[in-house]
Amino acid sequence: MARIRYCASCGARLPRSASARRRYCDDACRAQAYRDGRRADRSFALGLMLAEAEWNGGTRMISILTCPECGRITFAGGGRRQDAVCCSGLCRSRAWRRRVARRTRQRA
């Protein structure tokens, strides 16, 4: 008798014909589980980085920054560039588009 197995992401039932290695019901659940894992890894790494900076007294290792586009507070350093200005690639692209639009308006 086959054991009933469930999706590791959403909890839906896997088909009986699914291979023994299958963990997710579809590609969307697999992608969501990947994103959740990445988010957890980033949070854990940030916690370690902050704890190490506090332990060593090195405030120059991490800089707190406020994104000029969305206003979100993030940290530069560790897994991110030390000279980061924006919180994400999306905000960096928005800032660049705004600067280009401003330059074209000034020339016209």
PDB file of N, CA and C in Angstrom:
ATOM      1  N   MET A   1       0.842  -1.182   0.000  1.00  0.00           N
ATOM      2  CA  MET A   1       0.000   0.000   0.000  1.00  0.00           C
ATOM      3  C   MET A   1       0.886   1.243   0.000  1.00  0.00           C
ATOM      4  N   ALA A   2       0.582   2.158  -0.892  1.00  0.00           N
ATOM      5  CA  ALA A   2       1.380   3.374  -1.043  1.00  0.00           C
ATOM      6  C   ALA A   2       1.031   4.383   0.051  1.00  0.00           C
ATOM      7  N   ARG A   3       2.048   5.029   0.536  1.00  0.00           N
ATOM      8  CA  ARG A   3       1.864   6.053   1.562  1.00  0.00           C
ATOM      9  C   ARG A   3       1.364   7.344   0.911  1.00  0.00           C
ATOM     10  N   ILE A   4       0.462   8.031   1.561  1.00  0.00           N
ATOM     11  CA  ILE A   4      -0.038   9.303   1.039  1.00  0.00           C
ATOM     12  C   ILE A   4       0.980  10.373   1.372  1.00  0.00           C
ATOM     13  N   ARG A   5       1.384  11.122   0.339  1.00  0.00           N
ATOM     14  CA  ARG A   5       2.383  12.178   0.539  1.00  0.00           C
ATOM     15  C   ARG A   5       1.771  13.519   0.178  1.00  0.00           C
ATOM     16  N   TYR A   6       2.344  14.578   0.784  1.00  0.00           N
ATOM     17  CA  TYR A   6       1.805  15.918   0.612  1.00  0.00           C
ATOM     18  C   TYR A   6       2.892  16.866   0.129  1.00  0.00           C
ATOM     19  N   CYS A   7       2.464  17.930  -0.532  1.00  0.00           N
ATOM     20  CA  CYS A   7       3.372  18.967  -1.033  1.00  0.00           C
ATOM     21  C   CYS A   7       4.060  19.639   0.159  1.00  0.00           C
ATOM     22  N   ALA A   8       5.376  19.831   0.040  1.00  0.00           N
ATOM     23  CA  ALA A   8       6.143  20.447   1.123  1.00  0.00           C
ATOM     24  C   ALA A   8       5.867  21.942   1.237  1.00  0.00           C
ATOM     25  N   SER A   9       5.258  22.540   0.232  1.00  0.00           N
ATOM     26  CA  SER A   9       5.007  23.980   0.259  1.00  0.00           C
ATOM     27  C   SER A   9       3.571  24.312   0.661  1.00  0.00           C
ATOM     28  N   CYS A  10       2.608  23.759  -0.060  1.00  0.00           N
ATOM     29  CA  CYS A  10       1.214  24.142   0.189  1.00  0.00           C
ATOM     30  C   CYS A  10       0.423  23.090   0.949  1.00  0.00           C
ATOM     31  N   GLY A  11       0.925  21.862   1.039  1.00  0.00           N
ATOM     32  CA  GLY A  11       0.229  20.818   1.772  1.00  0.00           C
ATOM     33  C   GLY A  11      -0.778  20.045   0.948  1.00  0.00           C
ATOM     34  N   ALA A  12      -0.859  20.313  -0.352  1.00  0.00           N
ATOM     35  CA  ALA A  12      -1.792  19.578  -1.208  1.00  0.00           C
ATOM     36  C   ALA A  12      -1.307  18.138  -1.380  1.00  0.00           C
ATOM     37  N   ARG A  13      -2.196  17.280  -1.681  1.00  0.00           N
ATOM     38  CA  ARG A  13      -1.868  15.866  -1.849  1.00  0.00           C
ATOM     39  C   ARG A  13      -1.136  15.647  -3.168  1.00  0.00           C
ATOM     40  N   LEU A  14      -0.072  14.878  -3.137  1.00  0.00           N
ATOM     41  CA  LEU A  14       0.664  14.534  -4.350  1.00  0.00           C
ATOM     42  C   LEU A  14      -0.024  13.354  -5.030  1.00  0.00           C
ATOM     43  N   PRO A  15       0.024  13.293  -6.355  1.00  0.00           N
ATOM     44  CA  PRO A  15      -0.599  12.155  -7.036  1.00  0.00           C
ATOM     45  C   PRO A  15       0.088  10.836  -6.666  1.00  0.00           C
ATOM     46  N   ARG A  16      -0.649   9.752  -6.704  1.00  0.00           N
ATOM     47  CA  ARG A  16      -0.086   8.443  -6.372  1.00  0.00           C
ATOM     48  C   ARG A  16       1.025   8.052  -7.335  1.00  0.00           C
ATOM     49  N   SER A  17       0.928   8.512  -8.557  1.00  0.00           N
ATOM     50  CA  SER A  17       1.916   8.140  -9.577  1.00  0.00           C
ATOM     51  C   SER A  17       3.198   8.973  -9.485  1.00  0.00           C
ATOM     52  N   ALA A  18       3.287   9.897  -8.538  1.00  0.00           N
ATOM     53  CA  ALA A  18       4.459  10.770  -8.404  1.00  0.00           C
ATOM     54  C   ALA A  18       5.671   9.948  -7.989  1.00  0.00           C
ATOM     55  N   SER A  19       6.828  10.353  -8.479  1.00  0.00           N
ATOM     56  CA  SER A  19       8.051   9.624  -8.131  1.00  0.00           C
ATOM     57  C   SER A  19       8.365   9.804  -6.642  1.00  0.00           C
ATOM     58  N   ALA A  20       9.224   8.964  -6.127  1.00  0.00           N
ATOM     59  CA  ALA A  20       9.568   9.005  -4.703  1.00  0.00           C
ATOM     60  C   ALA A  20      10.331  10.278  -4.352  1.00  0.00           C
ATOM     61  N   ARG A  21      10.988  10.893  -5.334  1.00  0.00           N
ATOM     62  CA  ARG A  21      11.768  12.106  -5.079  1.00  0.00           C
ATOM     63  C   ARG A  21      10.945  13.381  -5.139  1.00  0.00           C
ATOM     64  N   ARG A  22       9.748  13.309  -5.640  1.00  0.00           N
ATOM     65  CA  ARG A  22       8.929  14.507  -5.811  1.00  0.00           C
ATOM     66  C   ARG A  22       8.499  15.062  -4.457  1.00  0.00           C
ATOM     67  N   ARG A  23       8.680  16.391  -4.277  1.00  0.00           N
ATOM     68  CA  ARG A  23       8.336  17.038  -3.009  1.00  0.00           C
ATOM     69  C   ARG A  23       7.227  18.079  -3.148  1.00  0.00           C
ATOM     70  N   TYR A  24       7.040  18.608  -4.346  1.00  0.00           N
ATOM     71  CA  TYR A  24       6.087  19.704  -4.555  1.00  0.00           C
ATOM     72  C   TYR A  24       5.048  19.302  -5.587  1.00  0.00           C
ATOM     73  N   CYS A  25       3.857  19.889  -5.489  1.00  0.00           N
ATOM     74  CA  CYS A  25       2.770  19.511  -6.389  1.00  0.00           C
ATOM     75  C   CYS A  25       2.942  20.109  -7.787  1.00  0.00           C
ATOM     76  N   ASP A  26       3.557  21.287  -7.883  1.00  0.00           N
ATOM     77  CA  ASP A  26       3.788  21.883  -9.202  1.00  0.00           C
ATOM     78  C   ASP A  26       4.966  22.854  -9.140  1.00  0.00           C
ATOM     79  N   ASP A  27       5.266  23.458 -10.271  1.00  0.00           N
ATOM     80  CA  ASP A  27       6.410  24.370 -10.351  1.00  0.00           C
ATOM     81  C   ASP A  27       6.219  25.626  -9.508  1.00  0.00           C
ATOM     82  N   ALA A  28       4.980  26.086  -9.368  1.00  0.00           N
ATOM     83  CA  ALA A  28       4.728  27.290  -8.568  1.00  0.00           C
ATOM     84  C   ALA A  28       5.075  27.049  -7.096  1.00  0.00           C
ATOM     85  N   CYS A  29       4.721  25.884  -6.577  1.00  0.00           N
ATOM     86  CA  CYS A  29       5.057  25.566  -5.174  1.00  0.00           C
ATOM     87  C   CYS A  29       6.558  25.396  -5.008  1.00  0.00           C
ATOM     88  N   ARG A  30       7.202  24.793  -5.990  1.00  0.00           N
ATOM     89  CA  ARG A  30       8.650  24.617  -5.917  1.00  0.00           C
ATOM     90  C   ARG A  30       9.350  25.974  -5.912  1.00  0.00           C
ATOM     91  N   ALA A  31       8.892  26.889  -6.766  1.00  0.00           N
ATOM     92  CA  ALA A  31       9.485  28.229  -6.823  1.00  0.00           C
ATOM     93  C   ALA A  31       9.229  29.001  -5.529  1.00  0.00           C
ATOM     94  N   GLN A  32       8.032  28.868  -4.981  1.00  0.00           N
ATOM     95  CA  GLN A  32       7.712  29.557  -3.724  1.00  0.00           C
ATOM     96  C   GLN A  32       8.580  29.041  -2.589  1.00  0.00           C
ATOM     97  N   ALA A  33       8.786  27.737  -2.535  1.00  0.00           N
ATOM     98  CA  ALA A  33       9.642  27.155  -1.501  1.00  0.00           C
ATOM     99  C   ALA A  33      11.077  27.650  -1.653  1.00  0.00           C
ATOM    100  N   TYR A  34      11.539  27.791  -2.893  1.00  0.00           N
ATOM    101  CA  TYR A  34      12.884  28.305  -3.131  1.00  0.00           C
ATOM    102  C   TYR A  34      12.998  29.744  -2.633  1.00  0.00           C
ATOM    103  N   ARG A  35      12.005  30.577  -2.966  1.00  0.00           N
ATOM    104  CA  ARG A  35      12.030  31.978  -2.527  1.00  0.00           C
ATOM    105  C   ARG A  35      11.965  32.075  -1.005  1.00  0.00           C
ATOM    106  N   ASP A  36      11.138  31.247  -0.379  1.00  0.00           N
ATOM    107  CA  ASP A  36      11.047  31.254   1.084  1.00  0.00           C
ATOM    108  C   ASP A  36      12.378  30.859   1.717  1.00  0.00           C
ATOM    109  N   GLY A  37      13.035  29.868   1.134  1.00  0.00           N
ATOM    110  CA  GLY A  37      14.334  29.447   1.651  1.00  0.00           C
ATOM    111  C   GLY A  37      15.382  30.528   1.506  1.00  0.00           C
ATOM    112  N   ARG A  38      15.380  31.205   0.368  1.00  0.00           N
ATOM    113  CA  ARG A  38      16.334  32.304   0.153  1.00  0.00           C
ATOM    114  C   ARG A  38      16.089  33.432   1.145  1.00  0.00           C
ATOM    115  N   ARG A  39      14.829  33.750   1.388  1.00  0.00           N
ATOM    116  CA  ARG A  39      14.488  34.816   2.332  1.00  0.00           C
ATOM    117  C   ARG A  39      14.955  34.446   3.744  1.00  0.00           C
ATOM    118  N   ALA A  40      14.755  33.200   4.121  1.00  0.00           N
ATOM    119  CA  ALA A  40      15.193  32.740   5.441  1.00  0.00           C
ATOM    120  C   ALA A  40      16.714  32.778   5.551  1.00  0.00           C
ATOM    121  N   ASP A  41      17.407  32.384   4.478  1.00  0.00           N
ATOM    122  CA  ASP A  41      18.873  32.418   4.488  1.00  0.00           C
ATOM    123  C   ASP A  41      19.389  33.845   4.629  1.00  0.00           C
ATOM    124  N   ARG A  42      18.755  34.781   3.919  1.00  0.00           N
ATOM    125  CA  ARG A  42      19.180  36.182   4.007  1.00  0.00           C
ATOM    126  C   ARG A  42      18.953  36.737   5.403  1.00  0.00           C
ATOM    127  N   SER A  43      17.805  36.400   5.993  1.00  0.00           N
ATOM    128  CA  SER A  43      17.513  36.881   7.348  1.00  0.00           C
ATOM    129  C   SER A  43      18.507  36.326   8.354  1.00  0.00           C
ATOM    130  N   PHE A  44      18.836  35.054   8.217  1.00  0.00           N
ATOM    131  CA  PHE A  44      19.790  34.430   9.127  1.00  0.00           C
ATOM    132  C   PHE A  44      21.172  35.051   8.957  1.00  0.00           C
ATOM    133  N   ALA A  45      21.588  35.263   7.708  1.00  0.00           N
ATOM    134  CA  ALA A  45      22.896  35.874   7.447  1.00  0.00           C
ATOM    135  C   ALA A  45      22.959  37.295   7.989  1.00  0.00           C
ATOM    136  N   LEU A  46      21.868  38.043   7.864  1.00  0.00           N
ATOM    137  CA  LEU A  46      21.829  39.401   8.386  1.00  0.00           C
ATOM    138  C   LEU A  46      21.941  39.386   9.905  1.00  0.00           C
ATOM    139  N   GLY A  47      21.243  38.460  10.562  1.00  0.00           N
ATOM    140  CA  GLY A  47      21.340  38.344  12.011  1.00  0.00           C
ATOM    141  C   GLY A  47      22.751  38.015  12.466  1.00  0.00           C
ATOM    142  N   LEU A  48      23.404  37.095  11.766  1.00  0.00           N
ATOM    143  CA  LEU A  48      24.794  36.772  12.089  1.00  0.00           C
ATOM    144  C   LEU A  48      25.716  37.970  11.892  1.00  0.00           C
ATOM    145  N   MET A  49      25.494  38.691  10.802  1.00  0.00           N
ATOM    146  CA  MET A  49      26.324  39.848  10.504  1.00  0.00           C
ATOM    147  C   MET A  49      26.166  40.926  11.575  1.00  0.00           C
ATOM    148  N   LEU A  50      24.930  41.194  11.992  1.00  0.00           N
ATOM    149  CA  LEU A  50      24.689  42.197  13.026  1.00  0.00           C
ATOM    150  C   LEU A  50      25.276  41.761  14.367  1.00  0.00           C
ATOM    151  N   ALA A  51      25.122  40.478  14.695  1.00  0.00           N
ATOM    152  CA  ALA A  51      25.678  39.978  15.952  1.00  0.00           C
ATOM    153  C   ALA A  51      27.196  40.081  15.957  1.00  0.00           C
ATOM    154  N   GLU A  52      27.828  39.757  14.833  1.00  0.00           N
ATOM    155  CA  GLU A  52      29.284  39.847  14.746  1.00  0.00           C
ATOM    156  C   GLU A  52      29.746  41.293  14.863  1.00  0.00           C
ATOM    157  N   ALA A  53      29.036  42.208  14.216  1.00  0.00           N
ATOM    158  CA  ALA A  53      29.405  43.623  14.300  1.00  0.00           C
ATOM    159  C   ALA A  53      29.252  44.141  15.724  1.00  0.00           C
ATOM    160  N   GLU A  54      28.185  43.718  16.403  1.00  0.00           N
ATOM    161  CA  GLU A  54      27.992  44.158  17.783  1.00  0.00           C
ATOM    162  C   GLU A  54      29.070  43.572  18.692  1.00  0.00           C
ATOM    163  N   TRP A  55      29.411  42.306  18.479  1.00  0.00           N
ATOM    164  CA  TRP A  55      30.420  41.644  19.294  1.00  0.00           C
ATOM    165  C   TRP A  55      31.788  42.300  19.131  1.00  0.00           C
ATOM    166  N   ASN A  56      32.132  42.609  17.887  1.00  0.00           N
ATOM    167  CA  ASN A  56      33.438  43.204  17.599  1.00  0.00           C
ATOM    168  C   ASN A  56      33.456  44.712  17.794  1.00  0.00           C
ATOM    169  N   GLY A  57      32.291  45.305  17.941  1.00  0.00           N
ATOM    170  CA  GLY A  57      32.221  46.757  18.080  1.00  0.00           C
ATOM    171  C   GLY A  57      32.490  47.473  16.772  1.00  0.00           C
ATOM    172  N   GLY A  58      32.401  46.751  15.668  1.00  0.00           N
ATOM    173  CA  GLY A  58      32.689  47.341  14.358  1.00  0.00           C
ATOM    174  C   GLY A  58      31.440  47.873  13.697  1.00  0.00           C
ATOM    175  N   THR A  59      31.174  49.138  13.881  1.00  0.00           N
ATOM    176  CA  THR A  59      29.997  49.723  13.244  1.00  0.00           C
ATOM    177  C   THR A  59      30.281  50.087  11.793  1.00  0.00           C
ATOM    178  N   ARG A  60      31.556  50.134  11.406  1.00  0.00           N
ATOM    179  CA  ARG A  60      31.876  50.463  10.019  1.00  0.00           C
ATOM    180  C   ARG A  60      31.629  49.283   9.093  1.00  0.00           C
ATOM    181  N   MET A  61      31.502  48.073   9.657  1.00  0.00           N
ATOM    182  CA  MET A  61      31.271  46.889   8.838  1.00  0.00           C
ATOM    183  C   MET A  61      29.892  46.931   8.180  1.00  0.00           C
ATOM    184  N   ILE A  62      28.935  47.525   8.870  1.00  0.00           N
ATOM    185  CA  ILE A  62      27.566  47.579   8.383  1.00  0.00           C
ATOM    186  C   ILE A  62      27.116  49.029   8.387  1.00  0.00           C
ATOM    187  N   SER A  63      26.469  49.435   7.320  1.00  0.00           N
ATOM    188  CA  SER A  63      25.892  50.770   7.328  1.00  0.00           C
ATOM    189  C   SER A  63      24.396  50.641   7.070  1.00  0.00           C
ATOM    190  N   ILE A  64      23.621  51.355   7.843  1.00  0.00           N
ATOM    191  CA  ILE A  64      22.175  51.361   7.674  1.00  0.00           C
ATOM    192  C   ILE A  64      21.854  52.391   6.608  1.00  0.00           C
ATOM    193  N   LEU A  65      21.042  51.993   5.635  1.00  0.00           N
ATOM    194  CA  LEU A  65      20.701  52.941   4.588  1.00  0.00           C
ATOM    195  C   LEU A  65      19.201  52.986   4.380  1.00  0.00           C
ATOM    196  N   THR A  66      18.719  54.142   3.994  1.00  0.00           N
ATOM    197  CA  THR A  66      17.322  54.324   3.640  1.00  0.00           C
ATOM    198  C   THR A  66      17.260  54.494   2.141  1.00  0.00           C
ATOM    199  N   CYS A  67      16.488  53.661   1.488  1.00  0.00           N
ATOM    200  CA  CYS A  67      16.387  53.686   0.038  1.00  0.00           C
ATOM    201  C   CYS A  67      15.758  55.012  -0.407  1.00  0.00           C
ATOM    202  N   PRO A  68      16.389  55.743  -1.338  1.00  0.00           N
ATOM    203  CA  PRO A  68      15.817  57.013  -1.789  1.00  0.00           C
ATOM    204  C   PRO A  68      14.543  56.840  -2.606  1.00  0.00           C
ATOM    205  N   GLU A  69      14.305  55.652  -3.144  1.00  0.00           N
ATOM    206  CA  GLU A  69      13.118  55.419  -3.968  1.00  0.00           C
ATOM    207  C   GLU A  69      11.897  55.044  -3.144  1.00  0.00           C
ATOM    208  N   CYS A  70      12.034  54.022  -2.289  1.00  0.00           N
ATOM    209  CA  CYS A  70      10.863  53.502  -1.579  1.00  0.00           C
ATOM    210  C   CYS A  70      10.881  53.828  -0.090  1.00  0.00           C
ATOM    211  N   GLY A  71      12.020  54.265   0.446  1.00  0.00           N
ATOM    212  CA  GLY A  71      12.105  54.617   1.854  1.00  0.00           C
ATOM    213  C   GLY A  71      12.339  53.440   2.787  1.00  0.00           C
ATOM    214  N   ARG A  72      12.528  52.239   2.239  1.00  0.00           N
ATOM    215  CA  ARG A  72      12.759  51.050   3.063  1.00  0.00           C
ATOM    216  C   ARG A  72      14.145  51.123   3.696  1.00  0.00           C
ATOM    217  N   ILE A  73      14.247  50.694   4.932  1.00  0.00           N
ATOM    218  CA  ILE A  73      15.529  50.682   5.627  1.00  0.00           C
ATOM    219  C   ILE A  73      16.163  49.316   5.414  1.00  0.00           C
ATOM    220  N   THR A  74      17.392  49.304   4.896  1.00  0.00           N
ATOM    221  CA  THR A  74      18.121  48.067   4.676  1.00  0.00           C
ATOM    222  C   THR A  74      19.545  48.245   5.171  1.00  0.00           C
ATOM    223  N   PHE A  75      20.336  47.222   5.025  1.00  0.00           N
ATOM    224  CA  PHE A  75      21.719  47.248   5.466  1.00  0.00           C
ATOM    225  C   PHE A  75      22.639  47.029   4.284  1.00  0.00           C
ATOM    226  N   ALA A  76      23.702  47.798   4.216  1.00  0.00           N
ATOM    227  CA  ALA A  76      24.752  47.581   3.230  1.00  0.00           C
ATOM    228  C   ALA A  76      25.899  46.902   3.956  1.00  0.00           C
ATOM    229  N   GLY A  77      26.568  46.024   3.282  1.00  0.00           N
ATOM    230  CA  GLY A  77      27.655  45.268   3.907  1.00  0.00           C
ATOM    231  C   GLY A  77      27.289  43.812   3.986  1.00  0.00           C
ATOM    232  N   GLY A  78      28.213  42.992   4.370  1.00  0.00           N
ATOM    233  CA  GLY A  78      27.953  41.559   4.423  1.00  0.00           C
ATOM    234  C   GLY A  78      27.778  41.018   3.026  1.00  0.00           C
ATOM    235  N   GLY A  79      26.585  40.547   2.693  1.00  0.00           N
ATOM    236  CA  GLY A  79      26.307  40.003   1.368  1.00  0.00           C
ATOM    237  C   GLY A  79      25.979  41.076   0.342  1.00  0.00           C
ATOM    238  N   ARG A  80      25.879  42.322   0.774  1.00  0.00           N
ATOM    239  CA  ARG A  80      25.561  43.419  -0.156  1.00  0.00           C
ATOM    240  C   ARG A  80      26.784  44.301  -0.333  1.00  0.00           C
ATOM    241  N   ARG A  81      26.739  45.118  -1.357  1.00  0.00           N
ATOM    242  CA  ARG A  81      27.847  46.031  -1.602  1.00  0.00           C
ATOM    243  C   ARG A  81      27.937  47.072  -0.494  1.00  0.00           C
ATOM    244  N   GLN A  82      29.144  47.472  -0.150  1.00  0.00           N
ATOM    245  CA  GLN A  82      29.345  48.496   0.877  1.00  0.00           C
ATOM    246  C   GLN A  82      28.842  49.860   0.397  1.00  0.00           C
ATOM    247  N   ASP A  83      28.903  50.092  -0.932  1.00  0.00           N
ATOM    248  CA  ASP A  83      28.505  51.390  -1.465  1.00  0.00           C
ATOM    249  C   ASP A  83      27.077  51.377  -2.028  1.00  0.00           C
ATOM    250  N   ALA A  84      26.248  50.427  -1.588  1.00  0.00           N
ATOM    251  CA  ALA A  84      24.873  50.336  -2.061  1.00  0.00           C
ATOM    252  C   ALA A  84      24.093  51.584  -1.660  1.00  0.00           C
ATOM    253  N   VAL A  85      23.228  52.026  -2.544  1.00  0.00           N
ATOM    254  CA  VAL A  85      22.397  53.198  -2.272  1.00  0.00           C
ATOM    255  C   VAL A  85      20.927  52.794  -2.197  1.00  0.00           C
ATOM    256  N   CYS A  86      20.500  51.928  -3.095  1.00  0.00           N
ATOM    257  CA  CYS A  86      19.102  51.477  -3.139  1.00  0.00           C
ATOM    258  C   CYS A  86      18.967  50.102  -2.513  1.00  0.00           C
ATOM    259  N   CYS A  87      17.741  49.764  -2.126  1.00  0.00           N
ATOM    260  CA  CYS A  87      17.507  48.489  -1.440  1.00  0.00           C
ATOM    261  C   CYS A  87      17.449  47.309  -2.398  1.00  0.00           C
ATOM    262  N   SER A  88      17.133  47.532  -3.665  1.00  0.00           N
ATOM    263  CA  SER A  88      16.997  46.414  -4.601  1.00  0.00           C
ATOM    264  C   SER A  88      17.298  46.889  -6.020  1.00  0.00           C
ATOM    265  N   GLY A  89      17.378  45.921  -6.916  1.00  0.00           N
ATOM    266  CA  GLY A  89      17.592  46.245  -8.318  1.00  0.00           C
ATOM    267  C   GLY A  89      16.415  47.008  -8.911  1.00  0.00           C
ATOM    268  N   LEU A  90      15.219  46.698  -8.442  1.00  0.00           N
ATOM    269  CA  LEU A  90      14.024  47.394  -8.924  1.00  0.00           C
ATOM    270  C   LEU A  90      14.096  48.881  -8.584  1.00  0.00           C
ATOM    271  N   CYS A  91      14.437  49.209  -7.347  1.00  0.00           N
ATOM    272  CA  CYS A  91      14.550  50.618  -6.945  1.00  0.00           C
ATOM    273  C   CYS A  91      15.715  51.300  -7.659  1.00  0.00           C
ATOM    274  N   ARG A  92      16.803  50.565  -7.875  1.00  0.00           N
ATOM    275  CA  ARG A  92      17.942  51.133  -8.595  1.00  0.00           C
ATOM    276  C   ARG A  92      17.536  51.497 -10.020  1.00  0.00           C
ATOM    277  N   SER A  93      16.745  50.624 -10.675  1.00  0.00           N
ATOM    278  CA  SER A  93      16.267  50.897 -12.025  1.00  0.00           C
ATOM    279  C   SER A  93      15.307  52.079 -12.050  1.00  0.00           C
ATOM    280  N   ARG A  94      14.418  52.157 -11.063  1.00  0.00           N
ATOM    281  CA  ARG A  94      13.485  53.293 -10.989  1.00  0.00           C
ATOM    282  C   ARG A  94      14.233  54.611 -10.839  1.00  0.00           C
ATOM    283  N   ALA A  95      15.266  54.620  -9.998  1.00  0.00           N
ATOM    284  CA  ALA A  95      16.046  55.842  -9.794  1.00  0.00           C
ATOM    285  C   ALA A  95      16.752  56.238 -11.081  1.00  0.00           C
ATOM    286  N   TRP A  96      17.294  55.253 -11.792  1.00  0.00           N
ATOM    287  CA  TRP A  96      17.986  55.546 -13.051  1.00  0.00           C
ATOM    288  C   TRP A  96      17.010  56.114 -14.070  1.00  0.00           C
ATOM    289  N   ARG A  97      15.811  55.501 -14.198  1.00  0.00           N
ATOM    290  CA  ARG A  97      14.810  56.009 -15.150  1.00  0.00           C
ATOM    291  C   ARG A  97      14.394  57.432 -14.802  1.00  0.00           C
ATOM    292  N   ARG A  98      14.261  57.715 -13.514  1.00  0.00           N
ATOM    293  CA  ARG A  98      13.887  59.069 -13.099  1.00  0.00           C
ATOM    294  C   ARG A  98      14.980  60.070 -13.461  1.00  0.00           C
ATOM    295  N   ARG A  99      16.259  59.674 -13.258  1.00  0.00           N
ATOM    296  CA  ARG A  99      17.364  60.572 -13.610  1.00  0.00           C
ATOM    297  C   ARG A  99      17.416  60.818 -15.115  1.00  0.00           C
ATOM    298  N   VAL A 100      17.207  59.784 -15.915  1.00  0.00           N
ATOM    299  CA  VAL A 100      17.232  59.937 -17.373  1.00  0.00           C
ATOM    300  C   VAL A 100      16.085  60.827 -17.839  1.00  0.00           C
ATOM    301  N   ALA A 101      14.892  60.636 -17.269  1.00  0.00           N
ATOM    302  CA  ALA A 101      13.743  61.461 -17.635  1.00  0.00           C
ATOM    303  C   ALA A 101      13.997  62.928 -17.280  1.00  0.00           C
ATOM    304  N   ARG A 102      14.618  63.163 -16.136  1.00  0.00           N
ATOM    305  CA  ARG A 102      14.917  64.521 -15.711  1.00  0.00           C
ATOM    306  C   ARG A 102      15.915  65.173 -16.675  1.00  0.00           C
ATOM    307  N   ARG A 103      16.929  64.404 -17.094  1.00  0.00           N
ATOM    308  CA  ARG A 103      17.930  64.947 -18.042  1.00  0.00           C
ATOM    309  C   ARG A 103      17.298  65.285 -19.374  1.00  0.00           C
ATOM    310  N   THR A 104      16.418  64.443 -19.882  1.00  0.00           N
ATOM    311  CA  THR A 104      15.786  64.699 -21.185  1.00  0.00           C
ATOM    312  C   THR A 104      14.858  65.914 -21.096  1.00  0.00           C
ATOM    313  N   ARG A 105      14.182  66.095 -19.956  1.00  0.00           N
ATOM    314  CA  ARG A 105      13.321  67.289 -19.800  1.00  0.00           C
ATOM    315  C   ARG A 105      14.143  68.545 -19.746  1.00  0.00           C
ATOM    316  N   GLN A 106      15.321  68.501 -19.118  1.00  0.00           N
ATOM    317  CA  GLN A 106      16.161  69.684 -19.018  1.00  0.00           C
ATOM    318  C   GLN A 106      16.746  70.076 -20.376  1.00  0.00           C
ATOM    319  N   ARG A 107      17.023  69.110 -21.223  1.00  0.00           N
ATOM    320  CA  ARG A 107      17.589  69.400 -22.553  1.00  0.00           C
ATOM    321  C   ARG A 107      16.542  69.969 -23.493  1.00  0.00           C
ATOM    322  N   ALA A 108      15.283  69.604 -23.305  1.00  0.00           N
ATOM    323  CA  ALA A 108      14.239  70.042 -24.227  1.00  0.00           C
ATOM    324  C   ALA A 108      13.833  71.467 -23.994  1.00  0.00           C
TER     325      ALA A 108
END
